[in-house]
């Protein structure tokens, strides 16, 4: 099994460092060279295999886990981005008020999008695990 250095970065999530084949020292020596004081060396099998919520990873006791609160925050950002993409063509019709375009149809579509993403938000909030969050996002 390959081993990696795990430490918590300034953003509050786990950073993973792998030694390259050129590195001839130990991982402890590499961590010292990187000026890390609070790190662990773990088998890479202890890392989550799914990187969807990579910025929710936290280190602890020889494993890296996903913090559900952080994962939900990331999911909400993804939800907002998806909603923005779906709103864009309808927003343009309404904001430009182009003659001959059906703004009522655009507004009906926007209402359906709002409902879809409000439901998604509720499902993310109610998720009890990472799989539930991914399901709520439609991933």
C-alpha atoms as a PDB file:
ATOM      1  CA  UNK A   1       0.000   0.000   0.000  1.00  0.00           C
ATOM      2  CA  UNK A   2       1.178   3.485  -0.782  1.00  0.00           C
ATOM      3  CA  UNK A   3       1.205   5.987   2.018  1.00  0.00           C
ATOM      4  CA  UNK A   4       0.417   9.689   1.936  1.00  0.00           C
ATOM      5  CA  UNK A   5       0.831  12.704   4.183  1.00  0.00           C
ATOM      6  CA  UNK A   6      -2.442  14.198   5.385  1.00  0.00           C
ATOM      7  CA  UNK A   7      -2.703  17.595   7.053  1.00  0.00           C
ATOM      8  CA  UNK A   8      -5.404  20.224   7.474  1.00  0.00           C
ATOM      9  CA  UNK A   9      -4.809  23.214   5.218  1.00  0.00           C
ATOM     10  CA  UNK A  10      -5.671  26.865   5.867  1.00  0.00           C
ATOM     11  CA  UNK A  11      -9.078  26.404   4.216  1.00  0.00           C
ATOM     12  CA  UNK A  12      -9.957  23.763   6.818  1.00  0.00           C
ATOM     13  CA  UNK A  13      -9.986  20.622   4.688  1.00  0.00           C
ATOM     14  CA  UNK A  14      -7.540  17.757   4.375  1.00  0.00           C
ATOM     15  CA  UNK A  15      -4.619  18.173   2.015  1.00  0.00           C
ATOM     16  CA  UNK A  16      -3.013  15.047   0.646  1.00  0.00           C
ATOM     17  CA  UNK A  17       0.660  14.912  -0.323  1.00  0.00           C
ATOM     18  CA  UNK A  18       2.168  11.999  -2.187  1.00  0.00           C
ATOM     19  CA  UNK A  19       5.919  11.591  -2.535  1.00  0.00           C
ATOM     20  CA  UNK A  20       7.156  11.445  -6.110  1.00  0.00           C
ATOM     21  CA  UNK A  21       9.436   8.673  -7.294  1.00  0.00           C
ATOM     22  CA  UNK A  22      12.295  11.198  -7.203  1.00  0.00           C
ATOM     23  CA  UNK A  23      11.907  11.696  -3.431  1.00  0.00           C
ATOM     24  CA  UNK A  24      14.440   9.478  -1.664  1.00  0.00           C
ATOM     25  CA  UNK A  25      13.606  10.352   1.939  1.00  0.00           C
ATOM     26  CA  UNK A  26      10.826   9.269   4.274  1.00  0.00           C
ATOM     27  CA  UNK A  27       7.390  10.836   4.398  1.00  0.00           C
ATOM     28  CA  UNK A  28       8.247  12.274   7.822  1.00  0.00           C
ATOM     29  CA  UNK A  29      11.263  13.977   6.249  1.00  0.00           C
ATOM     30  CA  UNK A  30       9.056  15.321   3.461  1.00  0.00           C
ATOM     31  CA  UNK A  31       6.553  16.654   6.000  1.00  0.00           C
ATOM     32  CA  UNK A  32       9.396  18.359   7.865  1.00  0.00           C
ATOM     33  CA  UNK A  33      10.673  19.866   4.618  1.00  0.00           C
ATOM     34  CA  UNK A  34       7.124  21.148   3.961  1.00  0.00           C
ATOM     35  CA  UNK A  35       7.137  22.671   7.474  1.00  0.00           C
ATOM     36  CA  UNK A  36       4.080  20.650   8.548  1.00  0.00           C
ATOM     37  CA  UNK A  37       3.618  20.220  12.273  1.00  0.00           C
ATOM     38  CA  UNK A  38       0.191  18.600  12.521  1.00  0.00           C
ATOM     39  CA  UNK A  39       0.099  15.783   9.998  1.00  0.00           C
ATOM     40  CA  UNK A  40      -0.540  12.070   9.773  1.00  0.00           C
ATOM     41  CA  UNK A  41       0.870   9.431   7.477  1.00  0.00           C
ATOM     42  CA  UNK A  42      -1.882   7.096   6.308  1.00  0.00           C
ATOM     43  CA  UNK A  43      -2.397   4.364   3.758  1.00  0.00           C
ATOM     44  CA  UNK A  44      -4.009   5.834   0.663  1.00  0.00           C
ATOM     45  CA  UNK A  45      -6.702   3.174   1.038  1.00  0.00           C
ATOM     46  CA  UNK A  46      -7.958   5.276   3.969  1.00  0.00           C
ATOM     47  CA  UNK A  47      -8.873   8.131   1.605  1.00  0.00           C
ATOM     48  CA  UNK A  48     -12.404   8.454   0.225  1.00  0.00           C
ATOM     49  CA  UNK A  49     -12.546   7.014  -3.285  1.00  0.00           C
ATOM     50  CA  UNK A  50     -15.103   9.580  -4.490  1.00  0.00           C
ATOM     51  CA  UNK A  51     -13.696  13.100  -4.940  1.00  0.00           C
ATOM     52  CA  UNK A  52     -17.063  14.829  -5.513  1.00  0.00           C
ATOM     53  CA  UNK A  53     -16.873  16.603  -2.164  1.00  0.00           C
ATOM     54  CA  UNK A  54     -13.066  16.713  -1.950  1.00  0.00           C
ATOM     55  CA  UNK A  55     -13.133  20.036  -0.091  1.00  0.00           C
ATOM     56  CA  UNK A  56     -15.133  18.441   2.723  1.00  0.00           C
ATOM     57  CA  UNK A  57     -12.416  15.911   3.578  1.00  0.00           C
ATOM     58  CA  UNK A  58     -11.085  16.041   7.149  1.00  0.00           C
ATOM     59  CA  UNK A  59      -8.257  14.094   8.731  1.00  0.00           C
ATOM     60  CA  UNK A  60      -8.395  12.189  11.938  1.00  0.00           C
ATOM     61  CA  UNK A  61      -7.009   9.081  13.595  1.00  0.00           C
ATOM     62  CA  UNK A  62      -5.419   7.536  10.526  1.00  0.00           C
ATOM     63  CA  UNK A  63      -8.346   8.047   8.146  1.00  0.00           C
ATOM     64  CA  UNK A  64      -9.795  10.795   6.000  1.00  0.00           C
ATOM     65  CA  UNK A  65     -13.557  11.246   6.117  1.00  0.00           C
ATOM     66  CA  UNK A  66     -16.078  13.596   4.558  1.00  0.00           C
ATOM     67  CA  UNK A  67     -17.592  16.214   6.840  1.00  0.00           C
ATOM     68  CA  UNK A  68     -21.316  16.171   6.021  1.00  0.00           C
ATOM     69  CA  UNK A  69     -21.844  19.832   6.951  1.00  0.00           C
ATOM     70  CA  UNK A  70     -19.038  20.921   4.630  1.00  0.00           C
ATOM     71  CA  UNK A  71     -20.297  18.570   1.912  1.00  0.00           C
ATOM     72  CA  UNK A  72     -23.782  20.097   2.164  1.00  0.00           C
ATOM     73  CA  UNK A  73     -22.308  23.597   1.778  1.00  0.00           C
ATOM     74  CA  UNK A  74     -20.451  22.447  -1.347  1.00  0.00           C
ATOM     75  CA  UNK A  75     -23.627  20.823  -2.660  1.00  0.00           C
ATOM     76  CA  UNK A  76     -25.569  24.046  -2.171  1.00  0.00           C
ATOM     77  CA  UNK A  77     -22.948  25.903  -4.216  1.00  0.00           C
ATOM     78  CA  UNK A  78     -23.320  23.289  -6.956  1.00  0.00           C
ATOM     79  CA  UNK A  79     -27.108  23.611  -6.752  1.00  0.00           C
ATOM     80  CA  UNK A  80     -26.881  27.397  -7.152  1.00  0.00           C
ATOM     81  CA  UNK A  81     -24.564  27.048 -10.153  1.00  0.00           C
ATOM     82  CA  UNK A  82     -26.906  24.560 -11.848  1.00  0.00           C
ATOM     83  CA  UNK A  83     -29.912  26.793 -11.152  1.00  0.00           C
ATOM     84  CA  UNK A  84     -28.131  29.826 -12.621  1.00  0.00           C
ATOM     85  CA  UNK A  85     -27.406  27.925 -15.838  1.00  0.00           C
ATOM     86  CA  UNK A  86     -31.050  26.867 -16.158  1.00  0.00           C
ATOM     87  CA  UNK A  87     -32.332  30.383 -15.402  1.00  0.00           C
ATOM     88  CA  UNK A  88     -30.050  32.160 -17.886  1.00  0.00           C
ATOM     89  CA  UNK A  89     -32.027  31.797 -21.141  1.00  0.00           C
ATOM     90  CA  UNK A  90     -35.285  32.715 -19.392  1.00  0.00           C
ATOM     91  CA  UNK A  91     -33.728  35.658 -17.535  1.00  0.00           C
ATOM     92  CA  UNK A  92     -32.471  37.057 -20.836  1.00  0.00           C
ATOM     93  CA  UNK A  93     -35.937  36.904 -22.404  1.00  0.00           C
ATOM     94  CA  UNK A  94     -37.466  38.730 -19.445  1.00  0.00           C
ATOM     95  CA  UNK A  95     -34.699  41.287 -18.887  1.00  0.00           C
ATOM     96  CA  UNK A  96     -34.321  42.205 -22.571  1.00  0.00           C
ATOM     97  CA  UNK A  97     -38.088  42.301 -23.115  1.00  0.00           C
ATOM     98  CA  UNK A  98     -37.610  41.489 -26.779  1.00  0.00           C
ATOM     99  CA  UNK A  99     -40.695  42.206 -28.875  1.00  0.00           C
ATOM    100  CA  UNK A 100     -42.354  39.043 -30.076  1.00  0.00           C
ATOM    101  CA  UNK A 101     -41.018  36.874 -27.266  1.00  0.00           C
ATOM    102  CA  UNK A 102     -43.331  35.201 -24.800  1.00  0.00           C
ATOM    103  CA  UNK A 103     -42.251  36.457 -21.388  1.00  0.00           C
ATOM    104  CA  UNK A 104     -45.099  34.624 -19.669  1.00  0.00           C
ATOM    105  CA  UNK A 105     -43.710  31.297 -20.915  1.00  0.00           C
ATOM    106  CA  UNK A 106     -40.271  32.315 -19.673  1.00  0.00           C
ATOM    107  CA  UNK A 107     -41.718  33.207 -16.276  1.00  0.00           C
ATOM    108  CA  UNK A 108     -43.569  29.873 -16.128  1.00  0.00           C
ATOM    109  CA  UNK A 109     -40.281  28.089 -16.837  1.00  0.00           C
ATOM    110  CA  UNK A 110     -38.529  30.146 -14.158  1.00  0.00           C
ATOM    111  CA  UNK A 111     -41.210  29.172 -11.619  1.00  0.00           C
ATOM    112  CA  UNK A 112     -40.704  25.488 -12.430  1.00  0.00           C
ATOM    113  CA  UNK A 113     -36.927  25.904 -12.043  1.00  0.00           C
ATOM    114  CA  UNK A 114     -37.392  27.636  -8.677  1.00  0.00           C
ATOM    115  CA  UNK A 115     -39.567  24.752  -7.473  1.00  0.00           C
ATOM    116  CA  UNK A 116     -37.092  22.143  -8.721  1.00  0.00           C
ATOM    117  CA  UNK A 117     -34.166  23.752  -6.916  1.00  0.00           C
ATOM    118  CA  UNK A 118     -36.143  24.497  -3.734  1.00  0.00           C
ATOM    119  CA  UNK A 119     -36.916  20.778  -3.549  1.00  0.00           C
ATOM    120  CA  UNK A 120     -33.260  19.992  -4.205  1.00  0.00           C
ATOM    121  CA  UNK A 121     -32.245  22.376  -1.385  1.00  0.00           C
ATOM    122  CA  UNK A 122     -34.602  20.643   1.039  1.00  0.00           C
ATOM    123  CA  UNK A 123     -33.314  17.219   0.001  1.00  0.00           C
ATOM    124  CA  UNK A 124     -29.695  18.319   0.507  1.00  0.00           C
ATOM    125  CA  UNK A 125     -30.543  19.720   3.931  1.00  0.00           C
ATOM    126  CA  UNK A 126     -32.315  16.489   4.907  1.00  0.00           C
ATOM    127  CA  UNK A 127     -29.574  14.162   3.636  1.00  0.00           C
ATOM    128  CA  UNK A 128     -27.913  12.110   6.352  1.00  0.00           C
ATOM    129  CA  UNK A 129     -24.922  10.920   4.323  1.00  0.00           C
ATOM    130  CA  UNK A 130     -22.849  11.724   1.256  1.00  0.00           C
ATOM    131  CA  UNK A 131     -24.835   9.339  -0.948  1.00  0.00           C
ATOM    132  CA  UNK A 132     -28.008  11.214  -0.017  1.00  0.00           C
ATOM    133  CA  UNK A 133     -26.437  14.539  -0.953  1.00  0.00           C
ATOM    134  CA  UNK A 134     -25.328  13.146  -4.327  1.00  0.00           C
ATOM    135  CA  UNK A 135     -28.815  11.764  -4.923  1.00  0.00           C
ATOM    136  CA  UNK A 136     -30.336  15.160  -4.109  1.00  0.00           C
ATOM    137  CA  UNK A 137     -28.033  16.797  -6.658  1.00  0.00           C
ATOM    138  CA  UNK A 138     -29.005  14.255  -9.276  1.00  0.00           C
ATOM    139  CA  UNK A 139     -25.444  12.956  -9.553  1.00  0.00           C
END
